[in-house]
Amino acid sequence: MTDWFAQEWFASDLVDGVIAGATARIEANRRSPIGAKEIVAVHGPYGVGKTSTILRLSRTLYPHYVQGEEFPTWSPDVGIVHDLVPVMWVQLQAGSTLKTLYGSLLDFLRFPVHGTGNVLASRALSSLARFGVQVLILDDVHKLRESQQASRDIIDALHTINTSLGELGGTLCLVGSEMGQRALLNHPQIDSRLKTMHLPPFTVGQHTDKVLWQKFLRGVEDLCGPYLPGNEPGFLALELPAYIHARTQGFMQDVQQLLKDGMRVALAEPIPALSRAILDRILLSERAQRAHTLIRSQPRGRVRAERLAAS
């Protein structure tokens, strides 16, 4: 039971909006004329669940491309058969250079990664066509090296990759934090085609924000409530919204850790019930703990939390 819940995806309007927007752009690119396409970018602060969101997007798209085949293939010509890899997800390493960028693409496809930058580039770009790539996701693009020469090389590389994908009807998707501060993403070659989607944490400043937050918690209740006979309906959405937000500040990474770890502890009780006392024992990230301490130290923050609880 705890393994199932730990793997469960917490649906939210914030995430669903990003996925719907990205899917629409990908479909528009597929239908548009051959050539460089719009680049999809998903960004937000650390800890809001960008990678989890983009993985869910990948899992949503993949079945439509492979049509149920366990080992999908495609044939570009008579007598030629290639594996079909419609969705690629590549996580970039810190200080990634031009060579490591192309090397990461080749490594995903299990190709050799030795050679000069030009050799790797040629091999990587031809592989996109060979394996029928339709969506290329580059995660953690904020890790790309940004020295003067490296930035120029990577800008040219991203532009070339986007053009190569565009010839296949495919889409380049960039994911990262603080992307608005990255010089290479503000270059005309990139931002002239960049469609940015922001994934924020949940906020509770306005009435509509509170409604969205409580709607999310109600969805989590629907998942775990049947296994918690000691809780009454509304134990998350009505009783604990202010507390959970104060502990996590609406950052999905901490929200999931708090609720999933709390659920694990609650299920070990004689009569399973998820309570504030249990949640108090769950250790969250340093970021969340610092912010929670600050909120508790400010009278205005305590008053705001009480108002949320009463709304």
C-alpha atoms as a PDB file:
ATOM      1  CA  MET A   1       0.000   0.000   0.000  1.00  0.00           C
ATOM      2  CA  THR A   2       2.726   2.493   0.957  1.00  0.00           C
ATOM      3  CA  ASP A   3       4.692   1.614  -2.198  1.00  0.00           C
ATOM      4  CA  TRP A   4       1.652   2.364  -4.328  1.00  0.00           C
ATOM      5  CA  PHE A   5       1.015   5.708  -2.684  1.00  0.00           C
ATOM      6  CA  ALA A   6       4.694   6.687  -2.865  1.00  0.00           C
ATOM      7  CA  GLN A   7       4.554   6.241  -6.653  1.00  0.00           C
ATOM      8  CA  GLU A   8       1.218   8.009  -7.075  1.00  0.00           C
ATOM      9  CA  TRP A   9       1.036  11.262  -9.013  1.00  0.00           C
ATOM     10  CA  PHE A  10      -0.678  14.170  -7.257  1.00  0.00           C
ATOM     11  CA  ALA A  11      -2.737  15.893  -9.935  1.00  0.00           C
ATOM     12  CA  SER A  12      -3.024  19.676  -9.814  1.00  0.00           C
ATOM     13  CA  ASP A  13      -4.375  22.413 -12.037  1.00  0.00           C
ATOM     14  CA  LEU A  14      -0.943  24.081 -12.078  1.00  0.00           C
ATOM     15  CA  VAL A  15       0.761  20.997 -13.495  1.00  0.00           C
ATOM     16  CA  ASP A  16      -2.124  20.077 -15.778  1.00  0.00           C
ATOM     17  CA  GLY A  17      -2.035  23.579 -17.269  1.00  0.00           C
ATOM     18  CA  VAL A  18       1.662  23.276 -18.120  1.00  0.00           C
ATOM     19  CA  ILE A  19       1.173  19.809 -19.631  1.00  0.00           C
ATOM     20  CA  ALA A  20      -1.812  20.959 -21.684  1.00  0.00           C
ATOM     21  CA  GLY A  21       0.087  24.010 -22.946  1.00  0.00           C
ATOM     22  CA  ALA A  22       3.180  21.984 -23.874  1.00  0.00           C
ATOM     23  CA  THR A  23       1.086  19.308 -25.583  1.00  0.00           C
ATOM     24  CA  ALA A  24      -0.711  21.938 -27.656  1.00  0.00           C
ATOM     25  CA  ARG A  25       2.591  23.458 -28.822  1.00  0.00           C
ATOM     26  CA  ILE A  26       4.001  20.030 -29.688  1.00  0.00           C
ATOM     27  CA  GLU A  27       0.912  19.207 -31.727  1.00  0.00           C
ATOM     28  CA  ALA A  28       1.039  22.602 -33.460  1.00  0.00           C
ATOM     29  CA  ASN A  29       4.676  21.972 -34.393  1.00  0.00           C
ATOM     30  CA  ARG A  30       3.795  18.558 -35.806  1.00  0.00           C
ATOM     31  CA  ARG A  31       1.186  20.118 -38.084  1.00  0.00           C
ATOM     32  CA  SER A  32       3.217  23.149 -39.176  1.00  0.00           C
ATOM     33  CA  PRO A  33       5.432  23.282 -42.310  1.00  0.00           C
ATOM     34  CA  ILE A  34       8.899  21.698 -42.235  1.00  0.00           C
ATOM     35  CA  GLY A  35      11.552  23.944 -40.694  1.00  0.00           C
ATOM     36  CA  ALA A  36      12.574  25.370 -37.325  1.00  0.00           C
ATOM     37  CA  LYS A  37       9.702  25.081 -34.877  1.00  0.00           C
ATOM     38  CA  GLU A  38       8.650  26.772 -31.680  1.00  0.00           C
ATOM     39  CA  ILE A  39      10.756  25.745 -28.675  1.00  0.00           C
ATOM     40  CA  VAL A  40       8.820  24.767 -25.561  1.00  0.00           C
ATOM     41  CA  ALA A  41      10.357  25.889 -22.253  1.00  0.00           C
ATOM     42  CA  VAL A  42       9.180  24.888 -18.782  1.00  0.00           C
ATOM     43  CA  HIS A  43      10.739  26.791 -15.920  1.00  0.00           C
ATOM     44  CA  GLY A  44      10.163  27.609 -12.274  1.00  0.00           C
ATOM     45  CA  PRO A  45      11.979  27.731  -8.952  1.00  0.00           C
ATOM     46  CA  TYR A  46      13.716  24.718  -7.492  1.00  0.00           C
ATOM     47  CA  GLY A  47      11.378  22.222  -5.846  1.00  0.00           C
ATOM     48  CA  VAL A  48       8.120  22.881  -7.721  1.00  0.00           C
ATOM     49  CA  GLY A  49       8.222  19.559  -9.611  1.00  0.00           C
ATOM     50  CA  LYS A  50       9.439  20.533 -13.084  1.00  0.00           C
ATOM     51  CA  THR A  51      11.127  17.219 -13.805  1.00  0.00           C
ATOM     52  CA  SER A  52       8.153  15.242 -12.479  1.00  0.00           C
ATOM     53  CA  THR A  53       5.869  17.329 -14.686  1.00  0.00           C
ATOM     54  CA  ILE A  54       7.933  16.784 -17.802  1.00  0.00           C
ATOM     55  CA  LEU A  55       8.189  13.047 -17.116  1.00  0.00           C
ATOM     56  CA  ARG A  56       4.414  12.915 -16.890  1.00  0.00           C
ATOM     57  CA  LEU A  57       4.243  14.777 -20.197  1.00  0.00           C
ATOM     58  CA  SER A  58       6.595  12.189 -21.726  1.00  0.00           C
ATOM     59  CA  ARG A  59       4.494   9.294 -20.457  1.00  0.00           C
ATOM     60  CA  THR A  60       1.379  10.951 -21.847  1.00  0.00           C
ATOM     61  CA  LEU A  61       2.882  11.485 -25.294  1.00  0.00           C
ATOM     62  CA  TYR A  62       4.777   8.223 -25.752  1.00  0.00           C
ATOM     63  CA  PRO A  63       1.806   5.810 -26.174  1.00  0.00           C
ATOM     64  CA  HIS A  64       0.376   7.966 -28.975  1.00  0.00           C
ATOM     65  CA  TYR A  65       3.591   7.615 -30.968  1.00  0.00           C
ATOM     66  CA  VAL A  66       4.176   3.871 -30.519  1.00  0.00           C
ATOM     67  CA  GLN A  67       0.536   2.723 -30.802  1.00  0.00           C
ATOM     68  CA  GLY A  68       0.853  -0.081 -28.298  1.00  0.00           C
ATOM     69  CA  GLU A  69       4.008  -1.696 -29.687  1.00  0.00           C
ATOM     70  CA  GLU A  70       6.303  -3.094 -27.006  1.00  0.00           C
ATOM     71  CA  PHE A  71       9.423  -2.661 -29.161  1.00  0.00           C
ATOM     72  CA  PRO A  72       8.409   0.006 -31.692  1.00  0.00           C
ATOM     73  CA  THR A  73      10.207   0.284 -35.021  1.00  0.00           C
ATOM     74  CA  TRP A  74       9.770   2.257 -38.207  1.00  0.00           C
ATOM     75  CA  SER A  75      10.910   1.856 -41.795  1.00  0.00           C
ATOM     76  CA  PRO A  76      12.249   4.881 -43.691  1.00  0.00           C
ATOM     77  CA  ASP A  77      12.683   2.803 -46.845  1.00  0.00           C
ATOM     78  CA  VAL A  78      12.149  -0.684 -48.204  1.00  0.00           C
ATOM     79  CA  GLY A  79      14.334  -3.193 -46.392  1.00  0.00           C
ATOM     80  CA  ILE A  80      15.462  -0.679 -43.718  1.00  0.00           C
ATOM     81  CA  VAL A  81      14.130  -0.910 -40.177  1.00  0.00           C
ATOM     82  CA  HIS A  82      15.132   1.309 -37.257  1.00  0.00           C
ATOM     83  CA  ASP A  83      14.106   1.372 -33.630  1.00  0.00           C
ATOM     84  CA  LEU A  84      11.556   4.122 -32.955  1.00  0.00           C
ATOM     85  CA  VAL A  85      12.456   6.502 -30.116  1.00  0.00           C
ATOM     86  CA  PRO A  86       9.796   9.214 -30.395  1.00  0.00           C
ATOM     87  CA  VAL A  87      10.493  10.822 -27.000  1.00  0.00           C
ATOM     88  CA  MET A  88      13.982  11.513 -25.643  1.00  0.00           C
ATOM     89  CA  TRP A  89      14.604  12.819 -22.138  1.00  0.00           C
ATOM     90  CA  VAL A  90      18.168  13.920 -21.425  1.00  0.00           C
ATOM     91  CA  GLN A  91      19.334  15.307 -18.082  1.00  0.00           C
ATOM     92  CA  LEU A  92      22.284  17.669 -18.515  1.00  0.00           C
ATOM     93  CA  GLN A  93      25.254  17.666 -16.178  1.00  0.00           C
ATOM     94  CA  ALA A  94      26.769  20.648 -14.377  1.00  0.00           C
ATOM     95  CA  GLY A  95      28.945  22.794 -16.639  1.00  0.00           C
ATOM     96  CA  SER A  96      27.764  21.038 -19.787  1.00  0.00           C
ATOM     97  CA  THR A  97      29.696  22.092 -22.880  1.00  0.00           C
ATOM     98  CA  LEU A  98      28.965  21.633 -26.567  1.00  0.00           C
ATOM     99  CA  LYS A  99      30.613  18.199 -26.555  1.00  0.00           C
ATOM    100  CA  THR A 100      28.780  17.022 -23.445  1.00  0.00           C
ATOM    101  CA  LEU A 101      25.480  18.277 -24.879  1.00  0.00           C
ATOM    102  CA  TYR A 102      25.851  16.198 -28.046  1.00  0.00           C
ATOM    103  CA  GLY A 103      27.435  13.383 -26.054  1.00  0.00           C
ATOM    104  CA  SER A 104      24.396  13.224 -23.787  1.00  0.00           C
ATOM    105  CA  LEU A 105      22.094  12.800 -26.802  1.00  0.00           C
ATOM    106  CA  LEU A 106      24.259   9.987 -28.156  1.00  0.00           C
ATOM    107  CA  ASP A 107      24.558   8.305 -24.782  1.00  0.00           C
ATOM    108  CA  PHE A 108      20.768   8.210 -24.452  1.00  0.00           C
ATOM    109  CA  LEU A 109      20.639   6.322 -27.750  1.00  0.00           C
ATOM    110  CA  ARG A 110      23.551   4.066 -26.692  1.00  0.00           C
ATOM    111  CA  PHE A 111      25.907   5.454 -29.321  1.00  0.00           C
ATOM    112  CA  PRO A 112      29.673   6.002 -28.837  1.00  0.00           C
ATOM    113  CA  VAL A 113      30.450   9.435 -27.393  1.00  0.00           C
ATOM    114  CA  HIS A 114      34.092   9.758 -28.410  1.00  0.00           C
ATOM    115  CA  GLY A 115      35.312  12.120 -31.126  1.00  0.00           C
ATOM    116  CA  THR A 116      35.568  15.829 -31.834  1.00  0.00           C
ATOM    117  CA  GLY A 117      32.697  18.222 -31.297  1.00  0.00           C
ATOM    118  CA  ASN A 118      31.890  18.262 -35.018  1.00  0.00           C
ATOM    119  CA  VAL A 119      31.866  14.465 -35.199  1.00  0.00           C
ATOM    120  CA  LEU A 120      29.580  14.204 -32.177  1.00  0.00           C
ATOM    121  CA  ALA A 121      27.274  16.876 -33.585  1.00  0.00           C
ATOM    122  CA  SER A 122      26.963  15.140 -36.953  1.00  0.00           C
ATOM    123  CA  ARG A 123      26.350  11.772 -35.315  1.00  0.00           C
ATOM    124  CA  ALA A 124      23.778  13.170 -32.871  1.00  0.00           C
ATOM    125  CA  LEU A 125      21.791  15.105 -35.481  1.00  0.00           C
ATOM    126  CA  SER A 126      21.648  12.146 -37.873  1.00  0.00           C
ATOM    127  CA  SER A 127      20.504   9.939 -34.980  1.00  0.00           C
ATOM    128  CA  LEU A 128      17.472  12.161 -34.367  1.00  0.00           C
ATOM    129  CA  ALA A 129      16.238  11.315 -37.868  1.00  0.00           C
ATOM    130  CA  ARG A 130      17.307   7.662 -37.686  1.00  0.00           C
ATOM    131  CA  PHE A 131      15.282   6.993 -34.539  1.00  0.00           C
ATOM    132  CA  GLY A 132      12.280   9.135 -35.483  1.00  0.00           C
ATOM    133  CA  VAL A 133      12.575  11.512 -32.534  1.00  0.00           C
ATOM    134  CA  GLN A 134       9.522  13.748 -32.170  1.00  0.00           C
ATOM    135  CA  VAL A 135      10.118  15.306 -28.759  1.00  0.00           C
ATOM    136  CA  LEU A 136      13.583  16.025 -27.349  1.00  0.00           C
ATOM    137  CA  ILE A 137      13.548  17.121 -23.713  1.00  0.00           C
ATOM    138  CA  LEU A 138      16.687  18.752 -22.320  1.00  0.00           C
ATOM    139  CA  ASP A 139      16.336  18.891 -18.544  1.00  0.00           C
ATOM    140  CA  ASP A 140      18.402  21.165 -16.265  1.00  0.00           C
ATOM    141  CA  VAL A 141      19.385  23.538 -19.080  1.00  0.00           C
ATOM    142  CA  HIS A 142      20.472  26.018 -16.404  1.00  0.00           C
ATOM    143  CA  LYS A 143      23.536  23.790 -16.059  1.00  0.00           C
ATOM    144  CA  LEU A 144      24.807  24.633 -19.546  1.00  0.00           C
ATOM    145  CA  ARG A 145      28.133  26.437 -19.393  1.00  0.00           C
ATOM    146  CA  GLU A 146      27.832  30.157 -20.064  1.00  0.00           C
ATOM    147  CA  SER A 147      31.338  31.439 -20.749  1.00  0.00           C
ATOM    148  CA  GLN A 148      31.439  33.764 -23.740  1.00  0.00           C
ATOM    149  CA  GLN A 149      32.621  31.196 -26.295  1.00  0.00           C
ATOM    150  CA  ALA A 150      30.668  28.308 -24.763  1.00  0.00           C
ATOM    151  CA  SER A 151      27.446  30.330 -24.881  1.00  0.00           C
ATOM    152  CA  ARG A 152      27.880  31.096 -28.574  1.00  0.00           C
ATOM    153  CA  ASP A 153      28.578  27.438 -29.350  1.00  0.00           C
ATOM    154  CA  ILE A 154      25.604  26.183 -27.331  1.00  0.00           C
ATOM    155  CA  ILE A 155      23.249  28.795 -28.812  1.00  0.00           C
ATOM    156  CA  ASP A 156      24.253  27.626 -32.280  1.00  0.00           C
ATOM    157  CA  ALA A 157      23.843  23.990 -31.187  1.00  0.00           C
ATOM    158  CA  LEU A 158      20.339  24.534 -29.769  1.00  0.00           C
ATOM    159  CA  HIS A 159      19.339  26.390 -32.924  1.00  0.00           C
ATOM    160  CA  THR A 160      20.696  23.569 -35.099  1.00  0.00           C
ATOM    161  CA  ILE A 161      19.007  20.880 -33.000  1.00  0.00           C
ATOM    162  CA  ASN A 162      15.698  22.752 -33.201  1.00  0.00           C
ATOM    163  CA  THR A 163      16.010  23.069 -36.970  1.00  0.00           C
ATOM    164  CA  SER A 164      16.879  19.375 -37.357  1.00  0.00           C
ATOM    165  CA  LEU A 165      13.888  18.385 -35.218  1.00  0.00           C
ATOM    166  CA  GLY A 166      11.700  20.785 -37.162  1.00  0.00           C
ATOM    167  CA  GLU A 167      12.509  18.912 -40.361  1.00  0.00           C
ATOM    168  CA  LEU A 168      11.057  15.829 -38.666  1.00  0.00           C
ATOM    169  CA  GLY A 169       7.997  17.678 -37.342  1.00  0.00           C
ATOM    170  CA  GLY A 170       9.487  17.426 -33.861  1.00  0.00           C
ATOM    171  CA  THR A 171       9.810  19.732 -30.870  1.00  0.00           C
ATOM    172  CA  LEU A 172      12.692  20.799 -28.649  1.00  0.00           C
ATOM    173  CA  CYS A 173      11.634  21.163 -25.013  1.00  0.00           C
ATOM    174  CA  LEU A 174      13.871  22.934 -22.469  1.00  0.00           C
ATOM    175  CA  VAL A 175      13.398  22.509 -18.731  1.00  0.00           C
ATOM    176  CA  GLY A 176      15.232  24.355 -15.983  1.00  0.00           C
ATOM    177  CA  SER A 177      15.336  26.813 -13.106  1.00  0.00           C
ATOM    178  CA  GLU A 178      15.980  30.570 -13.297  1.00  0.00           C
ATOM    179  CA  MET A 179      15.850  30.372 -17.088  1.00  0.00           C
ATOM    180  CA  GLY A 180      14.948  34.025 -17.423  1.00  0.00           C
ATOM    181  CA  GLN A 181      18.394  34.902 -16.082  1.00  0.00           C
ATOM    182  CA  ARG A 182      20.258  32.744 -18.627  1.00  0.00           C
ATOM    183  CA  ALA A 183      21.889  34.802 -21.358  1.00  0.00           C
ATOM    184  CA  LEU A 184      21.914  31.969 -23.852  1.00  0.00           C
ATOM    185  CA  LEU A 185      18.110  31.613 -23.671  1.00  0.00           C
ATOM    186  CA  ASN A 186      17.649  35.359 -24.243  1.00  0.00           C
ATOM    187  CA  HIS A 187      19.591  35.275 -27.503  1.00  0.00           C
ATOM    188  CA  PRO A 188      17.517  36.148 -30.616  1.00  0.00           C
ATOM    189  CA  GLN A 189      18.219  32.731 -32.163  1.00  0.00           C
ATOM    190  CA  ILE A 190      16.461  31.118 -29.210  1.00  0.00           C
ATOM    191  CA  ASP A 191      13.943  33.507 -27.679  1.00  0.00           C
ATOM    192  CA  SER A 192      12.427  34.401 -31.065  1.00  0.00           C
ATOM    193  CA  ARG A 193      10.960  30.891 -31.063  1.00  0.00           C
ATOM    194  CA  LEU A 194      10.732  30.266 -27.310  1.00  0.00           C
ATOM    195  CA  LYS A 195       7.312  29.605 -25.777  1.00  0.00           C
ATOM    196  CA  THR A 196       7.789  29.690 -22.004  1.00  0.00           C
ATOM    197  CA  MET A 197       5.510  28.052 -19.461  1.00  0.00           C
ATOM    198  CA  HIS A 198       6.018  28.898 -15.808  1.00  0.00           C
ATOM    199  CA  LEU A 199       5.404  26.316 -13.084  1.00  0.00           C
ATOM    200  CA  PRO A 200       5.027  28.154  -9.746  1.00  0.00           C
ATOM    201  CA  PRO A 201       4.455  26.877  -6.230  1.00  0.00           C
ATOM    202  CA  PHE A 202       0.937  27.052  -4.833  1.00  0.00           C
ATOM    203  CA  THR A 203       0.158  30.421  -3.265  1.00  0.00           C
ATOM    204  CA  VAL A 204      -2.654  31.440  -0.916  1.00  0.00           C
ATOM    205  CA  GLY A 205      -2.606  35.226  -1.257  1.00  0.00           C
ATOM    206  CA  GLN A 206      -5.920  35.560  -3.084  1.00  0.00           C
ATOM    207  CA  HIS A 207      -9.259  33.802  -2.715  1.00  0.00           C
ATOM    208  CA  THR A 208      -8.815  32.048  -6.062  1.00  0.00           C
ATOM    209  CA  ASP A 209      -5.381  30.817  -4.913  1.00  0.00           C
ATOM    210  CA  LYS A 210      -6.916  29.343  -1.751  1.00  0.00           C
ATOM    211  CA  VAL A 211      -9.605  27.597  -3.777  1.00  0.00           C
ATOM    212  CA  LEU A 212      -6.970  26.090  -6.077  1.00  0.00           C
ATOM    213  CA  TRP A 213      -4.897  24.919  -3.104  1.00  0.00           C
ATOM    214  CA  GLN A 214      -7.847  23.327  -1.342  1.00  0.00           C
ATOM    215  CA  LYS A 215      -8.985  21.700  -4.581  1.00  0.00           C
ATOM    216  CA  PHE A 216      -5.554  20.097  -4.866  1.00  0.00           C
ATOM    217  CA  LEU A 217      -5.692  18.828  -1.271  1.00  0.00           C
ATOM    218  CA  ARG A 218      -9.182  17.458  -1.864  1.00  0.00           C
ATOM    219  CA  GLY A 219      -7.768  15.457  -4.757  1.00  0.00           C
ATOM    220  CA  VAL A 220      -5.104  13.995  -2.486  1.00  0.00           C
ATOM    221  CA  GLU A 221      -7.856  13.129   0.008  1.00  0.00           C
ATOM    222  CA  ASP A 222      -9.685  11.208  -2.693  1.00  0.00           C
ATOM    223  CA  LEU A 223      -6.565   9.090  -3.184  1.00  0.00           C
ATOM    224  CA  CYS A 224      -5.676   8.306   0.415  1.00  0.00           C
ATOM    225  CA  GLY A 225      -8.988   8.793   2.252  1.00  0.00           C
ATOM    226  CA  PRO A 226     -10.335   5.253   1.646  1.00  0.00           C
ATOM    227  CA  TYR A 227      -7.292   3.841   3.474  1.00  0.00           C
ATOM    228  CA  LEU A 228      -7.570   6.170   6.470  1.00  0.00           C
ATOM    229  CA  PRO A 229     -10.697   5.130   8.400  1.00  0.00           C
ATOM    230  CA  GLY A 230      -9.707   7.298  11.347  1.00  0.00           C
ATOM    231  CA  ASN A 231     -10.106  10.527   9.324  1.00  0.00           C
ATOM    232  CA  GLU A 232     -13.297  12.417   8.560  1.00  0.00           C
ATOM    233  CA  PRO A 233     -13.958  13.903   5.105  1.00  0.00           C
ATOM    234  CA  GLY A 234     -12.139  17.191   4.691  1.00  0.00           C
ATOM    235  CA  PHE A 235      -9.230  16.255   6.946  1.00  0.00           C
ATOM    236  CA  LEU A 236      -6.769  17.781   4.459  1.00  0.00           C
ATOM    237  CA  ALA A 237      -8.741  20.330   2.432  1.00  0.00           C
ATOM    238  CA  LEU A 238     -10.680  21.808   5.346  1.00  0.00           C
ATOM    239  CA  GLU A 239      -8.680  21.108   8.504  1.00  0.00           C
ATOM    240  CA  LEU A 240      -5.031  21.363   7.430  1.00  0.00           C
ATOM    241  CA  PRO A 241      -4.661  23.636   4.372  1.00  0.00           C
ATOM    242  CA  ALA A 242      -3.001  26.471   6.295  1.00  0.00           C
ATOM    243  CA  TYR A 243      -0.703  24.145   8.195  1.00  0.00           C
ATOM    244  CA  ILE A 244       0.418  22.213   5.094  1.00  0.00           C
ATOM    245  CA  HIS A 245       1.055  25.415   3.172  1.00  0.00           C
ATOM    246  CA  ALA A 246       3.021  26.921   6.037  1.00  0.00           C
ATOM    247  CA  ARG A 247       5.181  23.788   6.217  1.00  0.00           C
ATOM    248  CA  THR A 248       5.781  23.511   2.449  1.00  0.00           C
ATOM    249  CA  GLN A 249       5.032  27.006   1.082  1.00  0.00           C
ATOM    250  CA  GLY A 250       3.220  25.224  -1.747  1.00  0.00           C
ATOM    251  CA  PHE A 251       6.367  23.686  -3.278  1.00  0.00           C
ATOM    252  CA  MET A 252       5.305  20.371  -4.763  1.00  0.00           C
ATOM    253  CA  GLN A 253       8.480  18.531  -3.834  1.00  0.00           C
ATOM    254  CA  ASP A 254       7.926  19.253  -0.146  1.00  0.00           C
ATOM    255  CA  VAL A 255       4.164  18.793  -0.360  1.00  0.00           C
ATOM    256  CA  GLN A 256       4.597  15.292  -1.744  1.00  0.00           C
ATOM    257  CA  GLN A 257       7.241  14.392   0.821  1.00  0.00           C
ATOM    258  CA  LEU A 258       5.106  15.655   3.710  1.00  0.00           C
ATOM    259  CA  LEU A 259       1.943  13.853   2.643  1.00  0.00           C
ATOM    260  CA  LYS A 260       3.514  10.631   1.400  1.00  0.00           C
ATOM    261  CA  ASP A 261       5.793  10.198   4.414  1.00  0.00           C
ATOM    262  CA  GLY A 262       2.878  11.122   6.673  1.00  0.00           C
ATOM    263  CA  MET A 263       0.711   8.541   4.946  1.00  0.00           C
ATOM    264  CA  ARG A 264       3.365   5.880   5.505  1.00  0.00           C
ATOM    265  CA  VAL A 265       3.420   6.619   9.243  1.00  0.00           C
ATOM    266  CA  ALA A 266      -0.385   6.845   9.476  1.00  0.00           C
ATOM    267  CA  LEU A 267      -0.893   3.418   7.920  1.00  0.00           C
ATOM    268  CA  ALA A 268       1.191   1.855  10.687  1.00  0.00           C
ATOM    269  CA  GLU A 269      -1.285   3.080  13.327  1.00  0.00           C
ATOM    270  CA  PRO A 270      -3.884   0.631  14.798  1.00  0.00           C
ATOM    271  CA  ILE A 271      -6.605   2.819  13.264  1.00  0.00           C
ATOM    272  CA  PRO A 272      -4.927   4.567  10.334  1.00  0.00           C
ATOM    273  CA  ALA A 273      -5.404   8.329  10.484  1.00  0.00           C
ATOM    274  CA  LEU A 274      -3.301  11.190   9.160  1.00  0.00           C
ATOM    275  CA  SER A 275      -3.000  13.921  11.782  1.00  0.00           C
ATOM    276  CA  ARG A 276      -1.079  17.116  12.353  1.00  0.00           C
ATOM    277  CA  ALA A 277       0.867  15.334  15.094  1.00  0.00           C
ATOM    278  CA  ILE A 278       2.120  12.831  12.524  1.00  0.00           C
ATOM    279  CA  LEU A 279       2.936  15.522   9.969  1.00  0.00           C
ATOM    280  CA  ASP A 280       4.890  17.439  12.623  1.00  0.00           C
ATOM    281  CA  ARG A 281       7.346  14.535  12.726  1.00  0.00           C
ATOM    282  CA  ILE A 282       8.099  14.613   8.981  1.00  0.00           C
ATOM    283  CA  LEU A 283      11.405  16.254   8.111  1.00  0.00           C
ATOM    284  CA  LEU A 284      11.327  18.426   4.991  1.00  0.00           C
ATOM    285  CA  SER A 285      13.975  20.216   2.946  1.00  0.00           C
ATOM    286  CA  GLU A 286      16.191  22.886   4.467  1.00  0.00           C
ATOM    287  CA  ARG A 287      14.475  25.461   2.236  1.00  0.00           C
ATOM    288  CA  ALA A 288      11.046  24.525   3.581  1.00  0.00           C
ATOM    289  CA  GLN A 289      12.206  24.457   7.187  1.00  0.00           C
ATOM    290  CA  ARG A 290      13.831  27.897   6.942  1.00  0.00           C
ATOM    291  CA  ALA A 291      10.730  29.383   5.347  1.00  0.00           C
ATOM    292  CA  HIS A 292       8.466  27.757   7.932  1.00  0.00           C
ATOM    293  CA  THR A 293      10.545  29.165  10.762  1.00  0.00           C
ATOM    294  CA  LEU A 294      10.308  32.625   9.202  1.00  0.00           C
ATOM    295  CA  ILE A 295       6.542  32.356   8.784  1.00  0.00           C
ATOM    296  CA  ARG A 296       6.092  31.331  12.434  1.00  0.00           C
ATOM    297  CA  SER A 297       8.234  34.236  13.599  1.00  0.00           C
ATOM    298  CA  GLN A 298       6.034  36.830  11.877  1.00  0.00           C
ATOM    299  CA  PRO A 299       2.675  37.735  13.488  1.00  0.00           C
ATOM    300  CA  ARG A 300       1.266  38.671  10.087  1.00  0.00           C
ATOM    301  CA  GLY A 301       2.091  35.201   8.791  1.00  0.00           C
ATOM    302  CA  ARG A 302       0.280  33.565  11.698  1.00  0.00           C
ATOM    303  CA  VAL A 303      -2.773  35.763  11.170  1.00  0.00           C
ATOM    304  CA  ARG A 304      -2.801  34.957   7.444  1.00  0.00           C
ATOM    305  CA  ALA A 305      -2.606  31.242   8.209  1.00  0.00           C
ATOM    306  CA  GLU A 306      -5.509  31.509  10.630  1.00  0.00           C
ATOM    307  CA  ARG A 307      -7.594  33.329   8.018  1.00  0.00           C
ATOM    308  CA  LEU A 308      -6.873  30.629   5.480  1.00  0.00           C
ATOM    309  CA  ALA A 309      -7.930  27.973   7.946  1.00  0.00           C
ATOM    310  CA  ALA A 310     -11.206  29.794   8.556  1.00  0.00           C
ATOM    311  CA  SER A 311     -12.001  30.414   4.884  1.00  0.00           C
END
